Protein backbone atom coordinates (compact mmCIF):
# COMPACT_ATOMS: atom_id res chain seq x y z
CA MET A 1 19.03 17.50 -33.05
CA GLN A 2 22.47 16.89 -34.53
CA PHE A 3 25.61 16.69 -32.39
CA ASP A 4 29.20 17.28 -33.49
CA SER A 5 30.74 14.85 -31.01
CA PHE A 6 29.85 12.30 -28.38
CA SER A 7 30.61 14.76 -25.58
CA ASP A 8 28.11 17.21 -27.16
CA PHE A 9 25.57 14.40 -27.16
CA ILE A 10 26.22 13.70 -23.47
CA ASN A 11 26.02 17.43 -22.69
CA MET A 12 22.64 17.65 -24.51
CA GLY A 13 23.08 21.28 -25.43
CA GLY A 14 23.43 22.35 -21.80
CA TYR A 15 20.40 20.40 -20.58
CA ALA A 16 22.23 17.20 -19.69
CA PHE A 17 21.18 17.15 -16.03
CA TYR A 18 17.47 17.38 -16.84
CA VAL A 19 17.58 14.96 -19.77
CA TRP A 20 19.64 12.26 -18.07
CA PHE A 21 17.79 12.71 -14.80
CA ALA A 22 14.50 12.14 -16.62
CA PHE A 23 15.91 9.03 -18.30
CA GLY A 24 17.23 7.75 -14.98
CA VAL A 25 13.96 8.31 -13.12
CA SER A 26 11.98 6.71 -15.93
CA GLY A 27 14.28 3.70 -15.99
CA ALA A 28 14.17 3.31 -12.22
CA LEU A 29 10.38 3.47 -12.23
CA LEU A 30 10.15 0.84 -14.96
CA VAL A 31 12.45 -1.48 -12.99
CA LEU A 32 10.43 -0.86 -9.82
CA LEU A 33 7.18 -1.54 -11.67
CA THR A 34 8.54 -4.81 -13.03
CA LEU A 35 9.76 -5.99 -9.63
CA THR A 36 6.55 -5.11 -7.80
CA THR A 37 4.47 -6.77 -10.51
CA LYS A 38 6.47 -9.99 -10.20
CA TYR A 39 6.21 -9.89 -6.39
CA ASN A 40 2.46 -9.27 -6.46
CA HIS A 41 1.95 -12.04 -9.03
CA LYS A 42 3.70 -14.56 -6.79
CA LYS A 43 1.74 -13.34 -3.76
CA ILE A 44 -1.60 -13.59 -5.55
CA LYS A 45 -0.79 -17.11 -6.77
CA ALA A 46 0.09 -18.16 -3.21
CA ASP A 47 -3.14 -16.61 -1.91
CA ILE A 48 -5.19 -18.48 -4.51
CA ILE A 49 -3.54 -21.78 -3.62
CA GLN A 50 -4.19 -21.13 0.08
CA GLN A 51 -7.85 -20.29 -0.64
CA ILE A 52 -8.31 -23.48 -2.69
CA LYS A 53 -6.85 -25.58 0.15
CA ARG A 54 -9.10 -23.81 2.67
CA GLU A 55 -12.18 -24.49 0.52
CA GLN A 56 -11.24 -28.16 0.17
CA LYS A 57 -10.91 -28.47 3.95
CA LEU A 58 -14.30 -26.84 4.44
CA LYS A 59 -15.94 -29.19 1.93
CA GLN A 60 -14.34 -32.18 3.63
CA ALA A 61 -15.48 -30.98 7.07
CA ALA A 62 -19.02 -30.42 5.76
CA LYS A 63 -19.07 -33.91 4.26
CA ILE A 64 -17.90 -35.47 7.54
CA HIS A 65 -20.46 -33.43 9.48
CA LYS A 66 -23.24 -34.54 7.12
CA GLN A 67 -22.20 -38.18 7.47
CA SER A 68 -22.17 -37.93 11.27
CA GLN A 69 -25.65 -36.40 11.23
CA GLU A 70 -26.93 -39.22 9.02
CA VAL A 71 -25.48 -41.80 11.43
CA ALA A 72 -27.04 -39.98 14.40
CA ASN A 73 -30.43 -39.85 12.67
CA GLU A 74 -30.35 -43.59 11.91
CA SER A 75 -29.91 -44.57 15.54
């Protein structure tokens, strides 16, 4: 579509509200998608770190428990 002036371009042949509304909604959704993706990425990384720490504590507790059973069995 060819426009004679910038104001004709902005007016979009009488469909400006629909065209610019669609652009605005699309832009807002893309920004929202980007922000939620970044937030979820940080949250998942924190959850993984917490899970690794929890597993290390469980392994350490199991090792201590095994050692205490070996000492109890020796006496």
